[in-house]
PDB file of all heavy atoms in Angstrom:
ATOM      1  N   THR A   1      99.747  92.524 114.288  1.00  0.00           N
ATOM      2  CA  THR A   1     100.610  91.937 113.263  1.00  0.00           C
ATOM      3  C   THR A   1     101.631  90.933 113.799  1.00  0.00           C
ATOM      4  O   THR A   1     101.816  90.845 115.054  1.00  0.00           O
ATOM      5  CB  THR A   1     101.388  93.030 112.532  1.00  0.00           C
ATOM      6  OG1 THR A   1     102.317  93.679 113.435  1.00  0.00           O
ATOM      7  CG2 THR A   1     100.484  94.067 111.927  1.00  0.00           C
ATOM      8  N   GLY A   2     102.299  90.215 112.915  1.00  0.00           N
ATOM      9  CA  GLY A   2     103.398  89.313 113.267  1.00  0.00           C
ATOM     10  C   GLY A   2     103.217  87.900 112.844  1.00  0.00           C
ATOM     11  O   GLY A   2     102.298  87.543 112.102  1.00  0.00           O
ATOM     12  N   ASN A   3     104.077  87.057 113.368  1.00  0.00           N
ATOM     13  CA  ASN A   3     103.966  85.618 113.267  1.00  0.00           C
ATOM     14  C   ASN A   3     104.912  85.010 114.315  1.00  0.00           C
ATOM     15  O   ASN A   3     105.572  85.774 115.050  1.00  0.00           O
ATOM     16  CB  ASN A   3     104.291  85.094 111.834  1.00  0.00           C
ATOM     17  CG  ASN A   3     105.797  85.162 111.500  1.00  0.00           C
ATOM     18  OD1 ASN A   3     106.596  85.767 112.206  1.00  0.00           O
ATOM     19  ND2 ASN A   3     106.154  84.599 110.362  1.00  0.00           N
ATOM     20  N   PRO A   4     105.010  83.696 114.481  1.00  0.00           N
ATOM     21  CA  PRO A   4     105.828  83.173 115.600  1.00  0.00           C
ATOM     22  C   PRO A   4     107.304  83.522 115.519  1.00  0.00           C
ATOM     23  O   PRO A   4     107.974  83.452 116.582  1.00  0.00           O
ATOM     24  CB  PRO A   4     105.624  81.630 115.429  1.00  0.00           C
ATOM     25  CG  PRO A   4     104.248  81.507 114.819  1.00  0.00           C
ATOM     26  CD  PRO A   4     104.188  82.666 113.864  1.00  0.00           C
ATOM     27  N   ASP A   5     107.849  83.874 114.383  1.00  0.00           N
ATOM     28  CA  ASP A   5     109.242  84.171 114.249  1.00  0.00           C
ATOM     29  C   ASP A   5     109.595  85.420 115.099  1.00  0.00           C
ATOM     30  O   ASP A   5     108.950  86.422 115.032  1.00  0.00           O
ATOM     31  CB  ASP A   5     109.551  84.532 112.749  1.00  0.00           C
ATOM     32  CG  ASP A   5     111.024  84.712 112.471  1.00  0.00           C
ATOM     33  OD1 ASP A   5     111.803  84.804 113.416  1.00  0.00           O
ATOM     34  OD2 ASP A   5     111.338  84.794 111.273  1.00  0.00           O
ATOM     35  N   TYR A   6     110.651  85.299 115.910  1.00  0.00           N
ATOM     36  CA  TYR A   6     111.044  86.338 116.813  1.00  0.00           C
ATOM     37  C   TYR A   6     111.456  87.624 116.019  1.00  0.00           C
ATOM     38  O   TYR A   6     111.455  88.702 116.576  1.00  0.00           O
ATOM     39  CB  TYR A   6     112.225  85.892 117.702  1.00  0.00           C
ATOM     40  CG  TYR A   6     111.746  85.206 118.996  1.00  0.00           C
ATOM     41  CD1 TYR A   6     110.526  84.571 119.079  1.00  0.00           C
ATOM     42  CD2 TYR A   6     112.563  85.210 120.091  1.00  0.00           C
ATOM     43  CE1 TYR A   6     110.159  83.955 120.227  1.00  0.00           C
ATOM     44  CE2 TYR A   6     112.226  84.565 121.270  1.00  0.00           C
ATOM     45  CZ  TYR A   6     110.995  83.912 121.349  1.00  0.00           C
ATOM     46  OH  TYR A   6     110.570  83.320 122.481  1.00  0.00           O
ATOM     47  N   LYS A   7     111.888  87.441 114.813  1.00  0.00           N
ATOM     48  CA  LYS A   7     112.342  88.566 114.001  1.00  0.00           C
ATOM     49  C   LYS A   7     111.189  89.406 113.472  1.00  0.00           C
ATOM     50  O   LYS A   7     111.403  90.471 112.907  1.00  0.00           O
ATOM     51  CB  LYS A   7     113.177  88.056 112.833  1.00  0.00           C
ATOM     52  CG  LYS A   7     114.512  87.344 113.216  1.00  0.00           C
ATOM     53  CD  LYS A   7     115.364  87.031 112.019  1.00  0.00           C
ATOM     54  CE  LYS A   7     114.760  85.961 111.182  1.00  0.00           C
ATOM     55  NZ  LYS A   7     114.691  84.658 111.842  1.00  0.00           N
ATOM     56  N   SER A   8     109.958  88.970 113.722  1.00  0.00           N
ATOM     57  CA  SER A   8     108.795  89.651 113.169  1.00  0.00           C
ATOM     58  C   SER A   8     108.454  90.881 114.109  1.00  0.00           C
ATOM     59  O   SER A   8     107.398  90.965 114.684  1.00  0.00           O
ATOM     60  CB  SER A   8     107.615  88.728 113.086  1.00  0.00           C
ATOM     61  OG  SER A   8     107.894  87.660 112.222  1.00  0.00           O
ATOM     62  N   LEU A   9     109.393  91.793 114.214  1.00  0.00           N
ATOM     63  CA  LEU A   9     109.170  93.017 114.969  1.00  0.00           C
ATOM     64  C   LEU A   9     108.677  94.105 114.046  1.00  0.00           C
ATOM     65  O   LEU A   9     109.425  94.911 113.446  1.00  0.00           O
ATOM     66  CB  LEU A   9     110.473  93.457 115.630  1.00  0.00           C
ATOM     67  CG  LEU A   9     110.928  92.643 116.835  1.00  0.00           C
ATOM     68  CD1 LEU A   9     112.337  93.042 117.247  1.00  0.00           C
ATOM     69  CD2 LEU A   9     110.002  92.783 117.978  1.00  0.00           C
ATOM     70  N   VAL A  10     107.319  94.079 113.800  1.00  0.00           N
ATOM     71  CA  VAL A  10     106.717  95.051 112.919  1.00  0.00           C
ATOM     72  C   VAL A  10     105.544  95.636 113.665  1.00  0.00           C
ATOM     73  O   VAL A  10     104.900  95.003 114.484  1.00  0.00           O
ATOM     74  CB  VAL A  10     106.227  94.396 111.585  1.00  0.00           C
ATOM     75  CG1 VAL A  10     107.415  93.904 110.796  1.00  0.00           C
ATOM     76  CG2 VAL A  10     105.275  93.277 111.860  1.00  0.00           C
ATOM     77  N   PRO A  11     105.216  96.947 113.414  1.00  0.00           N
ATOM     78  CA  PRO A  11     104.210  97.562 114.215  1.00  0.00           C
ATOM     79  C   PRO A  11     102.801  97.132 113.903  1.00  0.00           C
ATOM     80  O   PRO A  11     102.414  96.818 112.746  1.00  0.00           O
ATOM     81  CB  PRO A  11     104.377  99.048 113.837  1.00  0.00           C
ATOM     82  CG  PRO A  11     104.962  99.067 112.477  1.00  0.00           C
ATOM     83  CD  PRO A  11     105.857  97.822 112.448  1.00  0.00           C
ATOM     84  N   ASN A  12     101.984  97.028 114.933  1.00  0.00           N
ATOM     85  CA  ASN A  12     100.520  96.887 114.763  1.00  0.00           C
ATOM     86  C   ASN A  12     100.070  98.214 114.043  1.00  0.00           C
ATOM     87  O   ASN A  12     100.681  99.230 114.184  1.00  0.00           O
ATOM     88  CB  ASN A  12      99.805  96.656 116.060  1.00  0.00           C
ATOM     89  CG  ASN A  12     100.295  95.407 116.747  1.00  0.00           C
ATOM     90  OD1 ASN A  12     100.598  94.443 116.107  1.00  0.00           O
ATOM     91  ND2 ASN A  12     100.416  95.469 118.067  1.00  0.00           N
ATOM     92  N   ARG A  13      98.931  98.104 113.312  1.00  0.00           N
ATOM     93  CA  ARG A  13      98.597  99.257 112.450  1.00  0.00           C
ATOM     94  C   ARG A  13      97.126  99.708 112.709  1.00  0.00           C
ATOM     95  O   ARG A  13      96.219  98.921 112.856  1.00  0.00           O
ATOM     96  CB  ARG A  13      98.735  98.857 110.972  1.00  0.00           C
ATOM     97  CG  ARG A  13     100.147  98.262 110.637  1.00  0.00           C
ATOM     98  CD  ARG A  13     101.152  99.324 110.435  1.00  0.00           C
ATOM     99  NE  ARG A  13     101.012 100.009 109.170  1.00  0.00           N
ATOM    100  CZ  ARG A  13     101.536  99.539 108.012  1.00  0.00           C
ATOM    101  NH1 ARG A  13     102.196  98.372 107.997  1.00  0.00           N
ATOM    102  NH2 ARG A  13     101.354 100.204 106.906  1.00  0.00           N
ATOM    103  N   LEU A  14      96.950 101.048 112.648  1.00  0.00           N
ATOM    104  CA  LEU A  14      95.667 101.696 112.803  1.00  0.00           C
ATOM    105  C   LEU A  14      95.381 102.447 111.507  1.00  0.00           C
ATOM    106  O   LEU A  14      96.180 103.296 111.100  1.00  0.00           O
ATOM    107  CB  LEU A  14      95.656 102.619 113.994  1.00  0.00           C
ATOM    108  CG  LEU A  14      94.337 103.417 114.174  1.00  0.00           C
ATOM    109  CD1 LEU A  14      93.174 102.506 114.453  1.00  0.00           C
ATOM    110  CD2 LEU A  14      94.523 104.399 115.401  1.00  0.00           C
ATOM    111  N   PHE A  15      94.229 102.147 110.879  1.00  0.00           N
ATOM    112  CA  PHE A  15      93.802 102.827 109.666  1.00  0.00           C
ATOM    113  C   PHE A  15      92.507 103.544 109.892  1.00  0.00           C
ATOM    114  O   PHE A  15      91.503 102.977 110.332  1.00  0.00           O
ATOM    115  CB  PHE A  15      93.663 101.810 108.491  1.00  0.00           C
ATOM    116  CG  PHE A  15      94.932 101.227 108.059  1.00  0.00           C
ATOM    117  CD1 PHE A  15      95.455 100.042 108.611  1.00  0.00           C
ATOM    118  CD2 PHE A  15      95.713 101.836 107.059  1.00  0.00           C
ATOM    119  CE1 PHE A  15      96.629  99.520 108.214  1.00  0.00           C
ATOM    120  CE2 PHE A  15      96.897 101.259 106.666  1.00  0.00           C
ATOM    121  CZ  PHE A  15      97.375 100.097 107.218  1.00  0.00           C
ATOM    122  N   ARG A  16      92.535 104.848 109.570  1.00  0.00           N
ATOM    123  CA  ARG A  16      91.330 105.668 109.711  1.00  0.00           C
ATOM    124  C   ARG A  16      90.565 105.698 108.390  1.00  0.00           C
ATOM    125  O   ARG A  16      91.132 105.944 107.324  1.00  0.00           O
ATOM    126  CB  ARG A  16      91.643 107.093 110.117  1.00  0.00           C
ATOM    127  CG  ARG A  16      90.441 107.988 110.255  1.00  0.00           C
ATOM    128  CD  ARG A  16      90.795 109.441 110.538  1.00  0.00           C
ATOM    129  NE  ARG A  16      89.573 110.195 110.744  1.00  0.00           N
ATOM    130  CZ  ARG A  16      88.916 110.962 109.800  1.00  0.00           C
ATOM    131  NH1 ARG A  16      89.446 110.998 108.557  1.00  0.00           N
ATOM    132  NH2 ARG A  16      87.838 111.635 110.104  1.00  0.00           N
ATOM    133  N   ASN A  17      89.253 105.480 108.458  1.00  0.00           N
ATOM    134  CA  ASN A  17      88.368 105.590 107.328  1.00  0.00           C
ATOM    135  C   ASN A  17      88.086 107.053 107.039  1.00  0.00           C
ATOM    136  O   ASN A  17      87.549 107.797 107.904  1.00  0.00           O
ATOM    137  CB  ASN A  17      87.047 104.868 107.656  1.00  0.00           C
ATOM    138  CG  ASN A  17      86.126 104.721 106.466  1.00  0.00           C
ATOM    139  OD1 ASN A  17      86.145 105.538 105.517  1.00  0.00           O
ATOM    140  ND2 ASN A  17      85.321 103.716 106.494  1.00  0.00           N
ATOM    141  N   MET A  18      88.492 107.539 105.899  1.00  0.00           N
ATOM    142  CA  MET A  18      88.388 108.967 105.596  1.00  0.00           C
ATOM    143  C   MET A  18      87.022 109.399 105.089  1.00  0.00           C
ATOM    144  O   MET A  18      86.721 110.575 104.892  1.00  0.00           O
ATOM    145  CB  MET A  18      89.413 109.354 104.522  1.00  0.00           C
ATOM    146  CG  MET A  18      90.880 109.023 104.928  1.00  0.00           C
ATOM    147  SD  MET A  18      91.377 109.849 106.491  1.00  0.00           S
ATOM    148  CE  MET A  18      91.535 111.565 105.857  1.00  0.00           C
ATOM    149  N   GLY A  19      86.131 108.396 104.931  1.00  0.00           N
ATOM    150  CA  GLY A  19      84.733 108.701 104.531  1.00  0.00           C
ATOM    151  C   GLY A  19      84.545 108.936 103.061  1.00  0.00           C
ATOM    152  O   GLY A  19      83.420 109.207 102.586  1.00  0.00           O
ATOM    153  N   ASP A  20      85.599 108.818 102.261  1.00  0.00           N
ATOM    154  CA  ASP A  20      85.541 109.010 100.864  1.00  0.00           C
ATOM    155  C   ASP A  20      85.973 107.774 100.084  1.00  0.00           C
ATOM    156  O   ASP A  20      86.324 107.843  98.937  1.00  0.00           O
ATOM    157  CB  ASP A  20      86.380 110.175 100.406  1.00  0.00           C
ATOM    158  CG  ASP A  20      87.870 110.036 100.783  1.00  0.00           C
ATOM    159  OD1 ASP A  20      88.194 108.979 101.448  1.00  0.00           O
ATOM    160  OD2 ASP A  20      88.678 110.954 100.503  1.00  0.00           O
ATOM    161  N   GLY A  21      85.941 106.599 100.785  1.00  0.00           N
ATOM    162  CA  GLY A  21      86.364 105.367 100.185  1.00  0.00           C
ATOM    163  C   GLY A  21      87.806 105.025 100.417  1.00  0.00           C
ATOM    164  O   GLY A  21      88.271 103.970 100.037  1.00  0.00           O
ATOM    165  N   LYS A  22      88.535 105.948 101.076  1.00  0.00           N
ATOM    166  CA  LYS A  22      89.960 105.753 101.306  1.00  0.00           C
ATOM    167  C   LYS A  22      90.261 105.637 102.802  1.00  0.00           C
ATOM    168  O   LYS A  22      89.475 106.117 103.603  1.00  0.00           O
ATOM    169  CB  LYS A  22      90.777 106.922 100.668  1.00  0.00           C
ATOM    170  CG  LYS A  22      90.657 106.998  99.171  1.00  0.00           C
ATOM    171  CD  LYS A  22      91.447 108.180  98.629  1.00  0.00           C
ATOM    172  CE  LYS A  22      91.320 108.253  97.119  1.00  0.00           C
ATOM    173  NZ  LYS A  22      92.105 109.369  96.542  1.00  0.00           N
ATOM    174  N   PHE A  23      91.427 105.055 103.087  1.00  0.00           N
ATOM    175  CA  PHE A  23      91.902 104.877 104.463  1.00  0.00           C
ATOM    176  C   PHE A  23      93.223 105.474 104.592  1.00  0.00           C
ATOM    177  O   PHE A  23      94.100 105.412 103.697  1.00  0.00           O
ATOM    178  CB  PHE A  23      91.918 103.351 104.858  1.00  0.00           C
ATOM    179  CG  PHE A  23      90.601 102.722 105.021  1.00  0.00           C
ATOM    180  CD1 PHE A  23      89.829 102.359 103.888  1.00  0.00           C
ATOM    181  CD2 PHE A  23      90.021 102.475 106.249  1.00  0.00           C
ATOM    182  CE1 PHE A  23      88.595 101.795 104.002  1.00  0.00           C
ATOM    183  CE2 PHE A  23      88.824 101.915 106.415  1.00  0.00           C
ATOM    184  CZ  PHE A  23      88.081 101.554 105.302  1.00  0.00           C
ATOM    185  N   ALA A  24      93.490 106.052 105.789  1.00  0.00           N
ATOM    186  CA  ALA A  24      94.786 106.688 106.106  1.00  0.00           C
ATOM    187  C   ALA A  24      95.450 105.928 107.220  1.00  0.00           C
ATOM    188  O   ALA A  24      94.809 105.646 108.287  1.00  0.00           O
ATOM    189  CB  ALA A  24      94.624 108.148 106.464  1.00  0.00           C
ATOM    190  N   ASP A  25      96.730 105.592 107.066  1.00  0.00           N
ATOM    191  CA  ASP A  25      97.527 104.961 108.142  1.00  0.00           C
ATOM    192  C   ASP A  25      97.874 106.057 109.154  1.00  0.00           C
ATOM    193  O   ASP A  25      98.587 107.015 108.899  1.00  0.00           O
ATOM    194  CB  ASP A  25      98.822 104.400 107.520  1.00  0.00           C
ATOM    195  CG  ASP A  25      99.596 103.551 108.511  1.00  0.00           C
ATOM    196  OD1 ASP A  25      99.419 103.729 109.741  1.00  0.00           O
ATOM    197  OD2 ASP A  25     100.394 102.751 108.064  1.00  0.00           O
ATOM    198  N   VAL A  26      97.343 105.887 110.401  1.00  0.00           N
ATOM    199  CA  VAL A  26      97.555 106.846 111.474  1.00  0.00           C
ATOM    200  C   VAL A  26      98.266 106.185 112.679  1.00  0.00           C
ATOM    201  O   VAL A  26      98.099 106.614 113.769  1.00  0.00           O
ATOM    202  CB  VAL A  26      96.236 107.509 111.888  1.00  0.00           C
ATOM    203  CG1 VAL A  26      95.692 108.405 110.766  1.00  0.00           C
ATOM    204  CG2 VAL A  26      95.195 106.481 112.289  1.00  0.00           C
ATOM    205  N   THR A  27      99.000 105.125 112.351  1.00  0.00           N
ATOM    206  CA  THR A  27      99.646 104.373 113.412  1.00  0.00           C
ATOM    207  C   THR A  27     100.571 105.171 114.269  1.00  0.00           C
ATOM    208  O   THR A  27     100.597 105.164 115.501  1.00  0.00           O
ATOM    209  CB  THR A  27     100.415 103.183 112.803  1.00  0.00           C
ATOM    210  OG1 THR A  27      99.527 102.423 112.002  1.00  0.00           O
ATOM    211  CG2 THR A  27     101.003 102.315 113.918  1.00  0.00           C
ATOM    212  N   VAL A  28     101.454 105.946 113.591  1.00  0.00           N
ATOM    213  CA  VAL A  28     102.509 106.673 114.248  1.00  0.00           C
ATOM    214  C   VAL A  28     101.917 107.812 115.085  1.00  0.00           C
ATOM    215  O   VAL A  28     102.212 107.969 116.294  1.00  0.00           O
ATOM    216  CB  VAL A  28     103.545 107.245 113.279  1.00  0.00           C
ATOM    217  CG1 VAL A  28     104.538 108.200 113.972  1.00  0.00           C
ATOM    218  CG2 VAL A  28     104.305 106.084 112.625  1.00  0.00           C
ATOM    219  N   SER A  29     101.042 108.641 114.513  1.00  0.00           N
ATOM    220  CA  SER A  29     100.449 109.738 115.255  1.00  0.00           C
ATOM    221  C   SER A  29      99.581 109.227 116.400  1.00  0.00           C
ATOM    222  O   SER A  29      99.471 109.852 117.467  1.00  0.00           O
ATOM    223  CB  SER A  29      99.688 110.645 114.346  1.00  0.00           C
ATOM    224  OG  SER A  29      98.622 109.930 113.694  1.00  0.00           O
ATOM    225  N   GLY A  30      98.945 108.059 116.186  1.00  0.00           N
ATOM    226  CA  GLY A  30      98.067 107.488 117.180  1.00  0.00           C
ATOM    227  C   GLY A  30      98.786 106.821 118.310  1.00  0.00           C
ATOM    228  O   GLY A  30      98.169 106.481 119.338  1.00  0.00           O
ATOM    229  N   ARG A  31     100.163 106.560 118.156  1.00  0.00           N
ATOM    230  CA  ARG A  31     100.976 105.925 119.212  1.00  0.00           C
ATOM    231  C   ARG A  31     100.376 104.561 119.602  1.00  0.00           C
ATOM    232  O   ARG A  31     100.359 104.172 120.769  1.00  0.00           O
ATOM    233  CB  ARG A  31     101.116 106.826 120.460  1.00  0.00           C
ATOM    234  CG  ARG A  31     101.854 108.106 120.234  1.00  0.00           C
ATOM    235  CD  ARG A  31     103.289 107.951 119.832  1.00  0.00           C
ATOM    236  NE  ARG A  31     104.119 107.421 120.915  1.00  0.00           N
ATOM    237  CZ  ARG A  31     105.184 106.673 120.715  1.00  0.00           C
ATOM    238  NH1 ARG A  31     105.565 106.337 119.475  1.00  0.00           N
ATOM    239  NH2 ARG A  31     105.921 106.259 121.742  1.00  0.00           N
ATOM    240  N   VAL A  32     100.043 103.764 118.584  1.00  0.00           N
ATOM    241  CA  VAL A  32      99.497 102.425 118.861  1.00  0.00           C
ATOM    242  C   VAL A  32     100.283 101.344 118.126  1.00  0.00           C
ATOM    243  O   VAL A  32      99.824 100.196 118.030  1.00  0.00           O
ATOM    244  CB  VAL A  32      98.028 102.363 118.460  1.00  0.00           C
ATOM    245  CG1 VAL A  32      97.118 103.242 119.358  1.00  0.00           C
ATOM    246  CG2 VAL A  32      97.814 102.755 116.963  1.00  0.00           C
ATOM    247  N   GLY A  33     101.489 101.690 117.568  1.00  0.00           N
ATOM    248  CA  GLY A  33     102.219 100.744 116.771  1.00  0.00           C
ATOM    249  C   GLY A  33     103.167  99.870 117.591  1.00  0.00           C
ATOM    250  O   GLY A  33     104.370  99.842 117.373  1.00  0.00           O
ATOM    251  N   ASN A  34     102.579  99.001 118.427  1.00  0.00           N
ATOM    252  CA  ASN A  34     103.408  98.113 119.243  1.00  0.00           C
ATOM    253  C   ASN A  34     104.111  97.114 118.337  1.00  0.00           C
ATOM    254  O   ASN A  34     103.472  96.579 117.411  1.00  0.00           O
ATOM    255  CB  ASN A  34     102.474  97.372 120.211  1.00  0.00           C
ATOM    256  CG  ASN A  34     103.249  96.694 121.338  1.00  0.00           C
ATOM    257  OD1 ASN A  34     104.278  96.079 121.116  1.00  0.00           O
ATOM    258  ND2 ASN A  34     102.770  96.852 122.520  1.00  0.00           N
ATOM    259  N   LEU A  35     105.369  96.946 118.568  1.00  0.00           N
ATOM    260  CA  LEU A  35     106.187  96.027 117.766  1.00  0.00           C
ATOM    261  C   LEU A  35     106.034  94.552 118.102  1.00  0.00           C
ATOM    262  O   LEU A  35     106.497  93.711 117.348  1.00  0.00           O
ATOM    263  CB  LEU A  35     107.647  96.403 117.878  1.00  0.00           C
ATOM    264  CG  LEU A  35     108.115  97.707 117.163  1.00  0.00           C
ATOM    265  CD1 LEU A  35     109.475  98.153 117.640  1.00  0.00           C
ATOM    266  CD2 LEU A  35     108.093  97.534 115.670  1.00  0.00           C
TER     267      LEU A  35
END
């Protein structure tokens, strides 16, 4: 995620496919949310 603006400190995101047509945000538990 992000853009050139230095203020764009937002986490990269990981979404797990739940197999039922839905996705779950597992960024925090996965420890992959680099800002």
